Amino acid sequence: CYEAEINLVIHAYGGKIFLDLMDDG
């Protein structure tokens, strides 16, 4: 998550992160 978030900050024009916890864990 940290590596991907940093990539959004450095390399992209902004973006979103979506988190889902599924009922199977």
PDB file of all heavy atoms in Angstrom:
ATOM      1  N   CYS A   1       0.832  -1.205   0.000  1.00  0.00           N
ATOM      2  CA  CYS A   1       0.000   0.000   0.000  1.00  0.00           C
ATOM      3  C   CYS A   1       0.865   1.254   0.000  1.00  0.00           C
ATOM      4  O   CYS A   1       0.614   2.196  -0.754  1.00  0.00           O
ATOM      5  CB  CYS A   1      -0.933  -0.036   1.208  1.00  0.00           C
ATOM      6  SG  CYS A   1      -2.255   1.181   1.125  1.00  0.00           S
ATOM      7  N   TYR A   2       1.896   1.274   0.822  1.00  0.00           N
ATOM      8  CA  TYR A   2       2.780   2.432   0.883  1.00  0.00           C
ATOM      9  C   TYR A   2       3.471   2.652  -0.466  1.00  0.00           C
ATOM     10  O   TYR A   2       3.495   3.774  -0.987  1.00  0.00           O
ATOM     11  CB  TYR A   2       3.819   2.260   1.996  1.00  0.00           C
ATOM     12  CG  TYR A   2       4.789   3.414   2.070  1.00  0.00           C
ATOM     13  CD1 TYR A   2       4.418   4.609   2.682  1.00  0.00           C
ATOM     14  CD2 TYR A   2       6.055   3.324   1.505  1.00  0.00           C
ATOM     15  CE1 TYR A   2       5.303   5.682   2.730  1.00  0.00           C
ATOM     16  CE2 TYR A   2       6.935   4.385   1.553  1.00  0.00           C
ATOM     17  CZ  TYR A   2       6.555   5.564   2.162  1.00  0.00           C
ATOM     18  OH  TYR A   2       7.425   6.622   2.210  1.00  0.00           O
ATOM     19  N   GLU A   3       4.036   1.599  -1.029  1.00  0.00           N
ATOM     20  CA  GLU A   3       4.733   1.726  -2.317  1.00  0.00           C
ATOM     21  C   GLU A   3       3.790   2.242  -3.408  1.00  0.00           C
ATOM     22  O   GLU A   3       4.161   3.123  -4.197  1.00  0.00           O
ATOM     23  CB  GLU A   3       5.331   0.378  -2.742  1.00  0.00           C
ATOM     24  CG  GLU A   3       6.436  -0.140  -1.854  1.00  0.00           C
ATOM     25  CD  GLU A   3       7.793   0.490  -2.133  1.00  0.00           C
ATOM     26  OE1 GLU A   3       7.875   1.488  -2.876  1.00  0.00           O
ATOM     27  OE2 GLU A   3       8.781  -0.026  -1.592  1.00  0.00           O
ATOM     28  N   ALA A   4       2.577   1.708  -3.454  1.00  0.00           N
ATOM     29  CA  ALA A   4       1.627   2.124  -4.485  1.00  0.00           C
ATOM     30  C   ALA A   4       1.149   3.558  -4.242  1.00  0.00           C
ATOM     31  O   ALA A   4       0.976   4.330  -5.197  1.00  0.00           O
ATOM     32  CB  ALA A   4       0.446   1.159  -4.528  1.00  0.00           C
ATOM     33  N   GLU A   5       0.933   3.920  -2.984  1.00  0.00           N
ATOM     34  CA  GLU A   5       0.527   5.296  -2.683  1.00  0.00           C
ATOM     35  C   GLU A   5       1.622   6.280  -3.103  1.00  0.00           C
ATOM     36  O   GLU A   5       1.338   7.322  -3.709  1.00  0.00           O
ATOM     37  CB  GLU A   5       0.227   5.443  -1.193  1.00  0.00           C
ATOM     38  CG  GLU A   5      -0.200   6.850  -0.815  1.00  0.00           C
ATOM     39  CD  GLU A   5      -0.510   7.024   0.661  1.00  0.00           C
ATOM     40  OE1 GLU A   5      -0.461   6.043   1.437  1.00  0.00           O
ATOM     41  OE2 GLU A   5      -0.796   8.172   1.048  1.00  0.00           O
ATOM     42  N   ILE A   6       2.869   5.960  -2.803  1.00  0.00           N
ATOM     43  CA  ILE A   6       3.980   6.829  -3.187  1.00  0.00           C
ATOM     44  C   ILE A   6       4.043   6.955  -4.711  1.00  0.00           C
ATOM     45  O   ILE A   6       4.292   8.051  -5.241  1.00  0.00           O
ATOM     46  CB  ILE A   6       5.323   6.295  -2.614  1.00  0.00           C
ATOM     47  CG1 ILE A   6       5.307   6.355  -1.087  1.00  0.00           C
ATOM     48  CG2 ILE A   6       6.507   7.060  -3.196  1.00  0.00           C
ATOM     49  CD1 ILE A   6       5.061   7.728  -0.492  1.00  0.00           C
ATOM     50  N   ASN A   7       3.795   5.862  -5.425  1.00  0.00           N
ATOM     51  CA  ASN A   7       3.772   5.937  -6.885  1.00  0.00           C
ATOM     52  C   ASN A   7       2.696   6.898  -7.379  1.00  0.00           C
ATOM     53  O   ASN A   7       2.915   7.630  -8.346  1.00  0.00           O
ATOM     54  CB  ASN A   7       3.569   4.551  -7.498  1.00  0.00           C
ATOM     55  CG  ASN A   7       4.836   3.730  -7.498  1.00  0.00           C
ATOM     56  OD1 ASN A   7       5.923   4.228  -7.231  1.00  0.00           O
ATOM     57  ND2 ASN A   7       4.700   2.447  -7.797  1.00  0.00           N
ATOM     58  N   LEU A   8       1.528   6.917  -6.717  1.00  0.00           N
ATOM     59  CA  LEU A   8       0.478   7.865  -7.099  1.00  0.00           C
ATOM     60  C   LEU A   8       0.949   9.306  -6.904  1.00  0.00           C
ATOM     61  O   LEU A   8       0.695  10.171  -7.739  1.00  0.00           O
ATOM     62  CB  LEU A   8      -0.794   7.634  -6.281  1.00  0.00           C
ATOM     63  CG  LEU A   8      -1.609   6.386  -6.572  1.00  0.00           C
ATOM     64  CD1 LEU A   8      -2.781   6.282  -5.598  1.00  0.00           C
ATOM     65  CD2 LEU A   8      -2.112   6.370  -7.997  1.00  0.00           C
ATOM     66  N   VAL A   9       1.636   9.555  -5.809  1.00  0.00           N
ATOM     67  CA  VAL A   9       2.115  10.908  -5.503  1.00  0.00           C
ATOM     68  C   VAL A   9       3.191  11.343  -6.502  1.00  0.00           C
ATOM     69  O   VAL A   9       3.155  12.455  -7.029  1.00  0.00           O
ATOM     70  CB  VAL A   9       2.662  10.987  -4.054  1.00  0.00           C
ATOM     71  CG1 VAL A   9       3.353  12.320  -3.792  1.00  0.00           C
ATOM     72  CG2 VAL A   9       1.550  10.754  -3.044  1.00  0.00           C
ATOM     73  N   ILE A  10       4.148  10.454  -6.767  1.00  0.00           N
ATOM     74  CA  ILE A  10       5.306  10.806  -7.594  1.00  0.00           C
ATOM     75  C   ILE A  10       4.995  10.810  -9.089  1.00  0.00           C
ATOM     76  O   ILE A  10       5.380  11.733  -9.808  1.00  0.00           O
ATOM     77  CB  ILE A  10       6.467   9.822  -7.344  1.00  0.00           C
ATOM     78  CG1 ILE A  10       6.988   9.964  -5.919  1.00  0.00           C
ATOM     79  CG2 ILE A  10       7.599  10.040  -8.341  1.00  0.00           C
ATOM     80  CD1 ILE A  10       8.022   8.908  -5.547  1.00  0.00           C
ATOM     81  N   HIS A  11       4.324   9.775  -9.563  1.00  0.00           N
ATOM     82  CA  HIS A  11       4.249   9.538 -11.005  1.00  0.00           C
ATOM     83  C   HIS A  11       2.912   9.868 -11.662  1.00  0.00           C
ATOM     84  O   HIS A  11       2.856   9.940 -12.888  1.00  0.00           O
ATOM     85  CB  HIS A  11       4.574   8.068 -11.305  1.00  0.00           C
ATOM     86  CG  HIS A  11       5.930   7.645 -10.850  1.00  0.00           C
ATOM     87  ND1 HIS A  11       7.090   8.105 -11.426  1.00  0.00           N
ATOM     88  CD2 HIS A  11       6.318   6.813  -9.861  1.00  0.00           C
ATOM     89  CE1 HIS A  11       8.133   7.567 -10.814  1.00  0.00           C
ATOM     90  NE2 HIS A  11       7.693   6.783  -9.865  1.00  0.00           N
ATOM     91  N   ALA A  12       1.854  10.022 -10.894  1.00  0.00           N
ATOM     92  CA  ALA A  12       0.522  10.178 -11.486  1.00  0.00           C
ATOM     93  C   ALA A  12      -0.005  11.596 -11.302  1.00  0.00           C
ATOM     94  O   ALA A  12       0.564  12.398 -10.571  1.00  0.00           O
ATOM     95  CB  ALA A  12      -0.447   9.181 -10.849  1.00  0.00           C
ATOM     96  N   TYR A  13      -1.106  11.873 -11.952  1.00  0.00           N
ATOM     97  CA  TYR A  13      -1.787  13.160 -11.821  1.00  0.00           C
ATOM     98  C   TYR A  13      -2.822  13.098 -10.702  1.00  0.00           C
ATOM     99  O   TYR A  13      -3.882  13.694 -10.784  1.00  0.00           O
ATOM    100  CB  TYR A  13      -2.480  13.542 -13.126  1.00  0.00           C
ATOM    101  CG  TYR A  13      -1.569  13.579 -14.334  1.00  0.00           C
ATOM    102  CD1 TYR A  13      -2.038  13.172 -15.573  1.00  0.00           C
ATOM    103  CD2 TYR A  13      -0.251  14.024 -14.244  1.00  0.00           C
ATOM    104  CE1 TYR A  13      -1.221  13.209 -16.696  1.00  0.00           C
ATOM    105  CE2 TYR A  13       0.574  14.057 -15.363  1.00  0.00           C
ATOM    106  CZ  TYR A  13       0.072  13.656 -16.579  1.00  0.00           C
ATOM    107  OH  TYR A  13       0.890  13.690 -17.684  1.00  0.00           O
ATOM    108  N   GLY A  14      -2.505  12.341  -9.674  1.00  0.00           N
ATOM    109  CA  GLY A  14      -3.454  12.118  -8.591  1.00  0.00           C
ATOM    110  C   GLY A  14      -4.257  10.865  -8.862  1.00  0.00           C
ATOM    111  O   GLY A  14      -4.230  10.312  -9.956  1.00  0.00           O
ATOM    112  N   GLY A  15      -4.948  10.396  -7.820  1.00  0.00           N
ATOM    113  CA  GLY A  15      -5.728   9.183  -8.000  1.00  0.00           C
ATOM    114  C   GLY A  15      -6.463   8.790  -6.743  1.00  0.00           C
ATOM    115  O   GLY A  15      -6.570   9.573  -5.799  1.00  0.00           O
ATOM    116  N   LYS A  16      -6.976   7.577  -6.750  1.00  0.00           N
ATOM    117  CA  LYS A  16      -7.746   7.063  -5.626  1.00  0.00           C
ATOM    118  C   LYS A  16      -7.231   5.701  -5.208  1.00  0.00           C
ATOM    119  O   LYS A  16      -6.707   4.938  -6.019  1.00  0.00           O
ATOM    120  CB  LYS A  16      -9.223   6.936  -5.989  1.00  0.00           C
ATOM    121  CG  LYS A  16      -9.927   8.260  -6.110  1.00  0.00           C
ATOM    122  CD  LYS A  16     -11.426   8.078  -6.122  1.00  0.00           C
ATOM    123  CE  LYS A  16     -12.068   9.448  -6.014  1.00  0.00           C
ATOM    124  NZ  LYS A  16     -13.433   9.389  -5.580  1.00  0.00           N
ATOM    125  N   ILE A  17      -7.432   5.431  -3.919  1.00  0.00           N
ATOM    126  CA  ILE A  17      -7.154   4.111  -3.359  1.00  0.00           C
ATOM    127  C   ILE A  17      -8.465   3.558  -2.833  1.00  0.00           C
ATOM    128  O   ILE A  17      -9.185   4.252  -2.108  1.00  0.00           O
ATOM    129  CB  ILE A  17      -6.116   4.186  -2.211  1.00  0.00           C
ATOM    130  CG1 ILE A  17      -4.796   4.761  -2.721  1.00  0.00           C
ATOM    131  CG2 ILE A  17      -5.914   2.798  -1.597  1.00  0.00           C
ATOM    132  CD1 ILE A  17      -3.762   5.002  -1.628  1.00  0.00           C
ATOM    133  N   PHE A  18      -8.775   2.332  -3.206  1.00  0.00           N
ATOM    134  CA  PHE A  18      -9.989   1.654  -2.764  1.00  0.00           C
ATOM    135  C   PHE A  18      -9.581   0.444  -1.933  1.00  0.00           C
ATOM    136  O   PHE A  18      -8.751  -0.353  -2.362  1.00  0.00           O
ATOM    137  CB  PHE A  18     -10.819   1.183  -3.956  1.00  0.00           C
ATOM    138  CG  PHE A  18     -11.215   2.298  -4.886  1.00  0.00           C
ATOM    139  CD1 PHE A  18     -10.413   2.633  -5.964  1.00  0.00           C
ATOM    140  CD2 PHE A  18     -12.376   3.016  -4.677  1.00  0.00           C
ATOM    141  CE1 PHE A  18     -10.766   3.662  -6.831  1.00  0.00           C
ATOM    142  CE2 PHE A  18     -12.746   4.037  -5.532  1.00  0.00           C
ATOM    143  CZ  PHE A  18     -11.937   4.366  -6.613  1.00  0.00           C
ATOM    144  N   LEU A  19     -10.154   0.338  -0.754  1.00  0.00           N
ATOM    145  CA  LEU A  19      -9.917  -0.791   0.148  1.00  0.00           C
ATOM    146  C   LEU A  19     -11.211  -1.561   0.309  1.00  0.00           C
ATOM    147  O   LEU A  19     -12.258  -0.960   0.577  1.00  0.00           O
ATOM    148  CB  LEU A  19      -9.451  -0.282   1.518  1.00  0.00           C
ATOM    149  CG  LEU A  19      -9.548  -1.265   2.692  1.00  0.00           C
ATOM    150  CD1 LEU A  19      -8.547  -2.400   2.538  1.00  0.00           C
ATOM    151  CD2 LEU A  19      -9.348  -0.532   4.012  1.00  0.00           C
ATOM    152  N   ASP A  20     -11.142  -2.869   0.158  1.00  0.00           N
ATOM    153  CA  ASP A  20     -12.281  -3.740   0.446  1.00  0.00           C
ATOM    154  C   ASP A  20     -11.802  -4.921   1.271  1.00  0.00           C
ATOM    155  O   ASP A  20     -10.826  -5.581   0.917  1.00  0.00           O
ATOM    156  CB  ASP A  20     -12.941  -4.254  -0.835  1.00  0.00           C
ATOM    157  CG  ASP A  20     -13.812  -3.197  -1.476  1.00  0.00           C
ATOM    158  OD1 ASP A  20     -14.913  -2.956  -0.944  1.00  0.00           O
ATOM    159  OD2 ASP A  20     -13.389  -2.598  -2.487  1.00  0.00           O
ATOM    160  N   LEU A  21     -12.499  -5.147   2.380  1.00  0.00           N
ATOM    161  CA  LEU A  21     -12.293  -6.351   3.182  1.00  0.00           C
ATOM    162  C   LEU A  21     -13.460  -7.270   2.861  1.00  0.00           C
ATOM    163  O   LEU A  21     -14.617  -6.907   3.061  1.00  0.00           O
ATOM    164  CB  LEU A  21     -12.254  -6.020   4.674  1.00  0.00           C
ATOM    165  CG  LEU A  21     -12.168  -7.221   5.623  1.00  0.00           C
ATOM    166  CD1 LEU A  21     -10.906  -8.025   5.379  1.00  0.00           C
ATOM    167  CD2 LEU A  21     -12.241  -6.739   7.069  1.00  0.00           C
ATOM    168  N   MET A  22     -13.121  -8.434   2.344  1.00  0.00           N
ATOM    169  CA  MET A  22     -14.156  -9.365   1.927  1.00  0.00           C
ATOM    170  C   MET A  22     -14.555 -10.268   3.094  1.00  0.00           C
ATOM    171  O   MET A  22     -13.787 -10.453   4.043  1.00  0.00           O
ATOM    172  CB  MET A  22     -13.652 -10.198   0.745  1.00  0.00           C
ATOM    173  CG  MET A  22     -13.059  -9.371  -0.386  1.00  0.00           C
ATOM    174  SD  MET A  22     -14.126  -8.038  -0.991  1.00  0.00           S
ATOM    175  CE  MET A  22     -15.299  -8.995  -1.930  1.00  0.00           C
ATOM    176  N   ASP A  23     -15.760 -10.840   3.017  1.00  0.00           N
ATOM    177  CA  ASP A  23     -16.257 -11.675   4.114  1.00  0.00           C
ATOM    178  C   ASP A  23     -15.454 -12.969   4.295  1.00  0.00           C
ATOM    179  O   ASP A  23     -15.547 -13.609   5.338  1.00  0.00           O
ATOM    180  CB  ASP A  23     -17.756 -11.956   3.977  1.00  0.00           C
ATOM    181  CG  ASP A  23     -18.133 -12.663   2.683  1.00  0.00           C
ATOM    182  OD1 ASP A  23     -17.233 -13.068   1.908  1.00  0.00           O
ATOM    183  OD2 ASP A  23     -19.343 -12.797   2.437  1.00  0.00           O
ATOM    184  N   ASP A  24     -14.625 -13.325   3.323  1.00  0.00           N
ATOM    185  CA  ASP A  24     -13.762 -14.504   3.483  1.00  0.00           C
ATOM    186  C   ASP A  24     -12.383 -14.139   4.049  1.00  0.00           C
ATOM    187  O   ASP A  24     -11.499 -14.988   4.144  1.00  0.00           O
ATOM    188  CB  ASP A  24     -13.613 -15.259   2.161  1.00  0.00           C
ATOM    189  CG  ASP A  24     -12.848 -14.474   1.104  1.00  0.00           C
ATOM    190  OD1 ASP A  24     -12.448 -13.309   1.354  1.00  0.00           O
ATOM    191  OD2 ASP A  24     -12.638 -15.028   0.004  1.00  0.00           O
ATOM    192  N   GLY A  25     -12.190 -12.854   4.418  1.00  0.00           N
ATOM    193  CA  GLY A  25     -10.934 -12.400   4.993  1.00  0.00           C
ATOM    194  C   GLY A  25      -9.945 -11.844   3.992  1.00  0.00           C
ATOM    195  O   GLY A  25      -8.897 -11.339   4.379  1.00  0.00           O
TER     196      GLY A  25
END
